[in-house]
Protein backbone atom coordinates (compact mmCIF):
# COMPACT_ATOMS: atom_id res chain seq x y z
CA MET A 1 0.00 0.00 0.00
CA THR A 2 1.44 3.38 -1.01
CA TRP A 3 1.52 6.35 1.38
CA PRO A 4 -1.54 8.11 -0.14
CA ASP A 5 -3.51 4.87 0.03
CA SER A 6 -2.68 4.37 3.70
CA MET A 7 -3.74 7.96 4.45
CA LEU A 8 -7.03 7.58 2.59
CA SER A 9 -7.96 3.97 3.41
CA ARG A 10 -10.51 4.86 6.09
CA TYR A 11 -12.53 7.13 3.79
CA GLY A 12 -15.21 6.30 1.23
CA ASP A 13 -15.12 7.13 -2.47
CA MET A 14 -15.97 10.81 -1.88
CA LEU A 15 -14.45 13.04 0.79
CA SER A 16 -15.76 16.29 2.23
CA VAL A 17 -13.67 19.41 2.76
CA ALA A 18 -13.50 18.45 6.44
CA ASP A 19 -12.20 14.97 5.54
CA VAL A 20 -9.47 16.36 3.26
CA SER A 21 -8.64 18.98 5.87
CA HIS A 22 -8.08 16.20 8.41
CA VAL A 23 -6.01 14.06 6.01
CA LEU A 24 -3.72 16.95 5.01
CA ASN A 25 -3.70 18.68 8.40
CA LEU A 26 -4.81 21.95 6.79
CA GLU A 27 -7.59 24.37 7.63
CA PRO A 28 -10.83 23.82 5.68
CA ARG A 29 -10.49 27.32 4.17
CA ASN A 30 -7.15 26.26 2.66
CA ILE A 31 -8.79 23.21 1.08
CA ARG A 32 -11.51 25.46 -0.38
CA CYS A 33 -8.78 27.74 -1.76
CA LEU A 34 -7.17 24.74 -3.48
CA LEU A 35 -10.55 23.72 -4.90
CA THR A 36 -11.20 27.19 -6.35
CA SER A 37 -7.65 28.03 -7.41
CA THR A 38 -7.34 29.71 -10.80
CA ASP A 39 -3.94 28.03 -11.22
CA ALA A 40 -4.62 24.70 -12.90
CA ALA A 41 -1.30 23.33 -11.61
CA THR A 42 -2.33 23.70 -7.96
CA ARG A 43 -6.11 23.25 -8.24
CA LEU A 44 -7.51 20.31 -6.29
CA PRO A 45 -10.13 18.55 -8.42
CA GLY A 46 -13.54 18.53 -6.79
CA VAL A 47 -17.25 18.81 -7.42
CA LYS A 48 -19.49 21.42 -5.83
CA ILE A 49 -22.92 20.04 -4.99
CA GLY A 50 -25.11 22.83 -3.68
CA LYS A 51 -22.95 24.62 -1.13
CA SER A 52 -20.74 21.61 -0.37
CA TRP A 53 -17.59 20.38 -2.06
CA ARG A 54 -16.81 16.71 -2.61
CA ILE A 55 -13.42 15.35 -3.61
CA ALA A 56 -13.07 11.89 -5.15
CA ARG A 57 -10.63 9.75 -3.17
CA ASP A 58 -8.91 8.59 -6.38
CA GLN A 59 -8.48 12.19 -7.57
CA LEU A 60 -7.05 13.22 -4.20
CA ARG A 61 -4.63 10.29 -4.37
CA ILE A 62 -3.46 11.39 -7.84
CA TYR A 63 -3.17 15.00 -6.62
CA LEU A 64 -1.06 13.98 -3.62
CA ILE A 65 1.27 11.85 -5.73
CA GLY A 66 1.63 14.65 -8.30
CA HIS A 67 2.40 17.26 -5.65
CA HIS A 68 4.69 15.12 -3.50
CA ASN A 69 7.81 17.04 -2.48
CA GLU A 70 10.73 14.80 -3.42
CA ASP A 71 13.22 16.97 -1.50
CA SER A 72 11.45 16.36 1.80
CA ALA A 73 11.36 12.63 1.09
CA LEU A 74 15.12 12.63 0.57
CA SER A 75 15.81 14.38 3.86
CA SER A 76 13.40 12.43 6.04
CA PRO A 77 14.07 12.17 9.78
CA ASN A 78 14.67 8.44 9.32
CA ASP A 79 17.72 9.14 7.19
CA GLU A 80 20.59 7.37 8.97
CA ARG A 81 23.39 8.40 6.63
CA GLY A 82 24.60 11.07 9.02
CA PRO A 83 26.90 13.96 8.12
CA THR A 84 29.43 13.56 5.36
CA SER A 85 33.00 14.82 5.64
């Protein structure tokens, strides 16, 4: 199971703004900003139904993989290489 799958495994096919906020540890207003972003590169795909947003779990998974910061993965706290001299 990949890291996005493990983060999303407890959720159904569609997530609310509150669900995504919890998964990403961001404020709901930040999730709404991502959903309404005019920048296609950063926009989180979602569907507005009435006044509520819904985000497909598969689309969120793709979004997370596409926006994964490789630099932070390379310098994880579990890195045991230590300093180089």
